[in-house]
PDB file of N, CA and C in Angstrom:
ATOM      1  N   MET A   1      17.832 -24.680  15.944  1.00  0.00           N
ATOM      2  CA  MET A   1      17.007 -24.109  16.991  1.00  0.00           C
ATOM      3  C   MET A   1      17.356 -22.644  17.236  1.00  0.00           C
ATOM      4  N   THR A   2      18.648 -22.318  17.147  1.00  0.00           N
ATOM      5  CA  THR A   2      19.039 -20.930  17.373  1.00  0.00           C
ATOM      6  C   THR A   2      18.592 -20.039  16.219  1.00  0.00           C
ATOM      7  N   GLY A   3      18.389 -20.654  15.061  1.00  0.00           N
ATOM      8  CA  GLY A   3      17.883 -19.882  13.931  1.00  0.00           C
ATOM      9  C   GLY A   3      16.484 -19.360  14.183  1.00  0.00           C
ATOM     10  N   LEU A   4      15.681 -20.150  14.886  1.00  0.00           N
ATOM     11  CA  LEU A   4      14.320 -19.722  15.215  1.00  0.00           C
ATOM     12  C   LEU A   4      14.316 -18.534  16.168  1.00  0.00           C
ATOM     13  N   LEU A   5      15.327 -18.452  17.025  1.00  0.00           N
ATOM     14  CA  LEU A   5      15.399 -17.323  17.952  1.00  0.00           C
ATOM     15  C   LEU A   5      15.646 -16.014  17.219  1.00  0.00           C
ATOM     16  N   ILE A   6      16.183 -16.100  16.020  1.00  0.00           N
ATOM     17  CA  ILE A   6      16.405 -14.899  15.204  1.00  0.00           C
ATOM     18  C   ILE A   6      15.243 -14.676  14.241  1.00  0.00           C
ATOM     19  N   LEU A   7      14.772 -15.759  13.628  1.00  0.00           N
ATOM     20  CA  LEU A   7      13.760 -15.629  12.579  1.00  0.00           C
ATOM     21  C   LEU A   7      12.387 -15.215  13.110  1.00  0.00           C
ATOM     22  N   ILE A   8      11.999 -15.672  14.273  1.00  0.00           N
ATOM     23  CA  ILE A   8      10.675 -15.326  14.806  1.00  0.00           C
ATOM     24  C   ILE A   8      10.566 -13.834  15.121  1.00  0.00           C
ATOM     25  N   PRO A   9      11.528 -13.220  15.813  1.00  0.00           N
ATOM     26  CA  PRO A   9      11.418 -11.768  16.024  1.00  0.00           C
ATOM     27  C   PRO A   9      11.519 -10.959  14.727  1.00  0.00           C
ATOM     28  N   VAL A  10      12.330 -11.425  13.791  1.00  0.00           N
ATOM     29  CA  VAL A  10      12.428 -10.724  12.506  1.00  0.00           C
ATOM     30  C   VAL A  10      11.095 -10.791  11.774  1.00  0.00           C
ATOM     31  N   ALA A  11      10.440 -11.944  11.771  1.00  0.00           N
ATOM     32  CA  ALA A  11       9.140 -12.091  11.112  1.00  0.00           C
ATOM     33  C   ALA A  11       8.078 -11.227  11.788  1.00  0.00           C
ATOM     34  N   LEU A  12       8.105 -11.185  13.110  1.00  0.00           N
ATOM     35  CA  LEU A  12       7.144 -10.339  13.822  1.00  0.00           C
ATOM     36  C   LEU A  12       7.390  -8.861  13.523  1.00  0.00           C
ATOM     37  N   PHE A  13       8.641  -8.460  13.470  1.00  0.00           N
ATOM     38  CA  PHE A  13       8.968  -7.071  13.164  1.00  0.00           C
ATOM     39  C   PHE A  13       8.515  -6.694  11.754  1.00  0.00           C
ATOM     40  N   LEU A  14       8.768  -7.574  10.783  1.00  0.00           N
ATOM     41  CA  LEU A  14       8.350  -7.286   9.406  1.00  0.00           C
ATOM     42  C   LEU A  14       6.829  -7.257   9.285  1.00  0.00           C
ATOM     43  N   GLY A  15       6.137  -8.111  10.029  1.00  0.00           N
ATOM     44  CA  GLY A  15       4.673  -8.090  10.025  1.00  0.00           C
ATOM     45  C   GLY A  15       4.131  -6.796  10.599  1.00  0.00           C
ATOM     46  N   LEU A  16       4.713  -6.353  11.697  1.00  0.00           N
ATOM     47  CA  LEU A  16       4.283  -5.078  12.293  1.00  0.00           C
ATOM     48  C   LEU A  16       4.620  -3.901  11.392  1.00  0.00           C
ATOM     49  N   LEU A  17       5.745  -3.977  10.709  1.00  0.00           N
ATOM     50  CA  LEU A  17       6.118  -2.925   9.770  1.00  0.00           C
ATOM     51  C   LEU A  17       5.125  -2.851   8.602  1.00  0.00           C
ATOM     52  N   GLY A  18       4.712  -3.999   8.091  1.00  0.00           N
ATOM     53  CA  GLY A  18       3.702  -4.031   7.034  1.00  0.00           C
ATOM     54  C   GLY A  18       2.354  -3.513   7.504  1.00  0.00           C
ATOM     55  N   LEU A  19       1.973  -3.866   8.732  1.00  0.00           N
ATOM     56  CA  LEU A  19       0.722  -3.367   9.296  1.00  0.00           C
ATOM     57  C   LEU A  19       0.769  -1.859   9.484  1.00  0.00           C
ATOM     58  N   ALA A  20       1.903  -1.344   9.943  1.00  0.00           N
ATOM     59  CA  ALA A  20       2.051   0.102  10.120  1.00  0.00           C
ATOM     60  C   ALA A  20       1.977   0.820   8.775  1.00  0.00           C
ATOM     61  N   ALA A  21       2.580   0.254   7.740  1.00  0.00           N
ATOM     62  CA  ALA A  21       2.519   0.864   6.414  1.00  0.00           C
ATOM     63  C   ALA A  21       1.090   0.864   5.880  1.00  0.00           C
ATOM     64  N   PHE A  22       0.356  -0.216   6.111  1.00  0.00           N
ATOM     65  CA  PHE A  22      -1.036  -0.276   5.672  1.00  0.00           C
ATOM     66  C   PHE A  22      -1.890   0.741   6.400  1.00  0.00           C
ATOM     67  N   LEU A  23      -1.711   0.856   7.713  1.00  0.00           N
ATOM     68  CA  LEU A  23      -2.498   1.822   8.478  1.00  0.00           C
ATOM     69  C   LEU A  23      -2.152   3.256   8.091  1.00  0.00           C
ATOM     70  N   TRP A  24      -0.880   3.518   7.781  1.00  0.00           N
ATOM     71  CA  TRP A  24      -0.487   4.847   7.316  1.00  0.00           C
ATOM     72  C   TRP A  24      -1.165   5.163   5.984  1.00  0.00           C
ATOM     73  N   ALA A  25      -1.163   4.202   5.065  1.00  0.00           N
ATOM     74  CA  ALA A  25      -1.797   4.411   3.763  1.00  0.00           C
ATOM     75  C   ALA A  25      -3.300   4.607   3.923  1.00  0.00           C
ATOM     76  N   LEU A  26      -3.897   3.910   4.851  1.00  0.00           N
ATOM     77  CA  LEU A  26      -5.329   4.050   5.095  1.00  0.00           C
ATOM     78  C   LEU A  26      -5.656   5.429   5.649  1.00  0.00           C
ATOM     79  N   ARG A  27      -4.828   5.931   6.568  1.00  0.00           N
ATOM     80  CA  ARG A  27      -5.075   7.240   7.183  1.00  0.00           C
ATOM     81  C   ARG A  27      -4.817   8.393   6.224  1.00  0.00           C
ATOM     82  N   THR A  28      -3.887   8.234   5.280  1.00  0.00           N
ATOM     83  CA  THR A  28      -3.566   9.333   4.369  1.00  0.00           C
ATOM     84  C   THR A  28      -4.452   9.342   3.128  1.00  0.00           C
ATOM     85  N   GLY A  29      -5.407   8.422   3.032  1.00  0.00           N
ATOM     86  CA  GLY A  29      -6.379   8.469   1.942  1.00  0.00           C
ATOM     87  C   GLY A  29      -5.926   7.799   0.660  1.00  0.00           C
ATOM     88  N   GLN A  30      -5.046   6.831   0.733  1.00  0.00           N
ATOM     89  CA  GLN A  30      -4.567   6.154  -0.469  1.00  0.00           C
ATOM     90  C   GLN A  30      -5.648   5.298  -1.117  1.00  0.00           C
ATOM     91  N   PHE A  31      -6.646   4.871  -0.365  1.00  0.00           N
ATOM     92  CA  PHE A  31      -7.672   3.970  -0.877  1.00  0.00           C
ATOM     93  C   PHE A  31      -9.023   4.659  -1.019  1.00  0.00           C
ATOM     94  N   ASP A  32      -9.057   5.975  -1.066  1.00  0.00           N
ATOM     95  CA  ASP A  32     -10.332   6.690  -1.099  1.00  0.00           C
ATOM     96  C   ASP A  32     -11.038   6.580  -2.444  1.00  0.00           C
ATOM     97  N   ASP A  33     -10.320   6.751  -3.545  1.00  0.00           N
ATOM     98  CA  ASP A  33     -10.949   6.792  -4.857  1.00  0.00           C
ATOM     99  C   ASP A  33     -10.419   5.659  -5.726  1.00  0.00           C
ATOM    100  N   LEU A  34     -10.988   4.468  -5.569  1.00  0.00           N
ATOM    101  CA  LEU A  34     -10.510   3.316  -6.321  1.00  0.00           C
ATOM    102  C   LEU A  34     -11.024   3.301  -7.758  1.00  0.00           C
ATOM    103  N   ASP A  35     -12.210   3.851  -7.998  1.00  0.00           N
ATOM    104  CA  ASP A  35     -12.780   3.825  -9.340  1.00  0.00           C
ATOM    105  C   ASP A  35     -12.326   4.988 -10.190  1.00  0.00           C
ATOM    106  N   GLY A  36     -11.869   6.056  -9.582  1.00  0.00           N
ATOM    107  CA  GLY A  36     -11.485   7.237 -10.346  1.00  0.00           C
ATOM    108  C   GLY A  36     -10.338   6.987 -11.307  1.00  0.00           C
ATOM    109  N   ALA A  37      -9.313   6.294 -10.873  1.00  0.00           N
ATOM    110  CA  ALA A  37      -8.166   6.016 -11.747  1.00  0.00           C
ATOM    111  C   ALA A  37      -8.565   5.060 -12.864  1.00  0.00           C
ATOM    112  N   ALA A  38      -9.466   4.132 -12.587  1.00  0.00           N
ATOM    113  CA  ALA A  38      -9.897   3.187 -13.613  1.00  0.00           C
ATOM    114  C   ALA A  38     -10.741   3.878 -14.678  1.00  0.00           C
ATOM    115  N   GLU A  39     -11.542   4.850 -14.290  1.00  0.00           N
ATOM    116  CA  GLU A  39     -12.399   5.543 -15.261  1.00  0.00           C
ATOM    117  C   GLU A  39     -11.673   6.685 -15.960  1.00  0.00           C
ATOM    118  N   ARG A  40     -10.620   7.198 -15.364  1.00  0.00           N
ATOM    119  CA  ARG A  40      -9.892   8.334 -15.935  1.00  0.00           C
ATOM    120  C   ARG A  40      -9.243   7.982 -17.269  1.00  0.00           C
ATOM    121  N   ILE A  41      -8.921   6.703 -17.470  1.00  0.00           N
ATOM    122  CA  ILE A  41      -8.277   6.304 -18.716  1.00  0.00           C
ATOM    123  C   ILE A  41      -9.248   6.375 -19.893  1.00  0.00           C
ATOM    124  N   LEU A  42     -10.541   6.386 -19.621  1.00  0.00           N
ATOM    125  CA  LEU A  42     -11.532   6.408 -20.688  1.00  0.00           C
ATOM    126  C   LEU A  42     -11.733   7.801 -21.278  1.00  0.00           C
ATOM    127  N   TYR A  43     -11.327   8.835 -20.564  1.00  0.00           N
ATOM    128  CA  TYR A  43     -11.553  10.207 -21.025  1.00  0.00           C
ATOM    129  C   TYR A  43     -10.348  10.728 -21.785  1.00  0.00           C
ATOM    130  N   ASP A  44     -10.613  11.420 -22.872  1.00  0.00           N
ATOM    131  CA  ASP A  44      -9.551  11.981 -23.703  1.00  0.00           C
ATOM    132  C   ASP A  44      -9.204  13.369 -23.191  1.00  0.00           C
ATOM    133  N   ASP A  45      -7.982  13.546 -22.747  1.00  0.00           N
ATOM    134  CA  ASP A  45      -7.541  14.827 -22.186  1.00  0.00           C
ATOM    135  C   ASP A  45      -6.702  15.654 -23.172  1.00  0.00           C
ATOM    136  N   ASP A  46      -6.547  15.164 -24.393  1.00  0.00           N
ATOM    137  CA  ASP A  46      -5.726  15.883 -25.368  1.00  0.00           C
ATOM    138  C   ASP A  46      -6.422  17.158 -25.810  1.00  0.00           C
ATOM    139  N   SER A  47      -5.719  18.257 -25.736  1.00  0.00           N
ATOM    140  CA  SER A  47      -6.275  19.518 -26.226  1.00  0.00           C
ATOM    141  C   SER A  47      -5.859  19.710 -27.673  1.00  0.00           C
ATOM    142  N   LYS A  48      -6.781  20.174 -28.488  1.00  0.00           N
ATOM    143  CA  LYS A  48      -6.495  20.362 -29.916  1.00  0.00           C
ATOM    144  C   LYS A  48      -5.927  21.757 -30.142  1.00  0.00           C
ATOM    145  N   PRO A  49      -4.859  21.853 -30.907  1.00  0.00           N
ATOM    146  CA  PRO A  49      -4.240  23.175 -31.162  1.00  0.00           C
ATOM    147  C   PRO A  49      -5.077  24.071 -32.055  1.00  0.00           C
TER     148      PRO A  49
END
């Protein structure tokens, strides 16, 4: 029973930490261009000497 008194606040803290990290990533534009990285691999960027 005393284990729950420790585990529940730790779980809530980790959940809030994950939510804060997600909101930070959302605000800084991490999810703005999802297709760009997938299509960038199709283009050849090698310059010929």
